[in-house]
Amino acid sequence: MALNAYAMDMRVRVDPSKCQGHNRCYALAPELFDVDDLGNAFELNDGVVPVGLEDKARLALANCPEFAISIEE
């Protein structure tokens, strides 16, 4: 049986209206986030969190000073 590489029940979202470009999410979880030319973060892979990276998603959420990250489970 093949193992699904994505935890389909978890997604991360970055609210661009709240993001101030601190980039803590990117520093903590570059597998889940990237930054644009202005330094604002955005989610990779349409926000889908790969299996095994759930803790990194939660760490990024906990460390965002602007509360711009949300997690859908």
Protein backbone atom coordinates (compact mmCIF):
# COMPACT_ATOMS: atom_id res chain seq x y z
CA MET A 1 0.00 0.00 0.00
CA ALA A 2 1.42 3.41 -0.98
CA LEU A 3 1.73 6.01 1.74
CA ASN A 4 0.26 9.42 0.95
CA ALA A 5 3.00 12.08 1.15
CA TYR A 6 0.61 14.78 2.34
CA ALA A 7 -1.46 15.12 5.47
CA MET A 8 -4.59 16.16 3.59
CA ASP A 9 -6.20 17.22 6.82
CA MET A 10 -3.66 20.00 7.52
CA ARG A 11 -3.08 23.22 5.61
CA VAL A 12 -1.29 26.43 6.51
CA ARG A 13 -2.39 29.87 5.40
CA VAL A 14 -0.68 33.25 5.53
CA ASP A 15 -2.92 36.30 5.74
CA PRO A 16 -1.13 38.81 3.48
CA SER A 17 -2.93 41.72 5.16
CA LYS A 18 -1.31 40.80 8.50
CA CYS A 19 2.16 39.66 7.38
CA GLN A 20 4.82 42.28 8.13
CA GLY A 21 7.78 40.35 6.70
CA HIS A 22 9.42 39.11 9.89
CA ASN A 23 9.98 35.80 8.04
CA ARG A 24 10.06 33.65 11.16
CA CYS A 25 7.83 31.12 9.42
CA TYR A 26 10.28 30.84 6.54
CA ALA A 27 13.26 30.55 8.90
CA LEU A 28 11.54 27.79 10.90
CA ALA A 29 9.81 25.91 8.08
CA PRO A 30 11.23 26.67 4.62
CA GLU A 31 9.52 23.49 3.40
CA LEU A 32 6.16 25.17 4.03
CA PHE A 33 6.76 28.89 3.42
CA ASP A 34 8.61 31.21 1.06
CA VAL A 35 8.89 34.98 0.80
CA ASP A 36 8.19 37.32 -2.09
CA ASP A 37 10.38 40.16 -3.38
CA LEU A 38 8.99 42.47 -0.69
CA GLY A 39 9.77 40.01 2.10
CA ASN A 40 6.19 38.94 2.75
CA ALA A 41 5.58 35.27 3.40
CA PHE A 42 3.30 32.94 1.50
CA GLU A 43 2.52 29.25 1.78
CA LEU A 44 4.00 26.67 -0.58
CA ASN A 45 2.14 23.77 -2.22
CA ASP A 46 -1.24 25.50 -1.84
CA GLY A 47 -0.74 25.30 1.91
CA VAL A 48 -0.83 21.51 2.09
CA VAL A 49 1.44 20.28 4.88
CA PRO A 50 3.42 17.13 3.99
CA VAL A 51 3.31 14.24 6.43
CA GLY A 52 5.95 14.72 9.10
CA LEU A 53 5.96 18.52 8.94
CA GLU A 54 2.91 19.12 11.11
CA ASP A 55 5.07 20.14 14.08
CA LYS A 56 6.95 22.67 11.94
CA ALA A 57 3.63 24.16 10.83
CA ARG A 58 2.57 24.56 14.46
CA LEU A 59 5.96 26.04 15.37
CA ALA A 60 5.62 28.64 12.62
CA LEU A 61 2.11 29.48 13.82
CA ALA A 62 3.32 29.92 17.40
CA ASN A 63 6.23 32.17 16.35
CA CYS A 64 4.42 34.61 14.04
CA PRO A 65 4.42 37.96 15.86
CA GLU A 66 1.63 39.31 13.66
CA PHE A 67 -0.66 36.24 13.98
CA ALA A 68 -0.70 36.07 10.18
CA ILE A 69 -0.52 32.26 10.02
CA SER A 70 -3.46 29.96 10.47
CA ILE A 71 -3.75 26.19 10.36
CA GLU A 72 -6.73 24.26 9.05
CA GLU A 73 -7.03 20.69 10.32
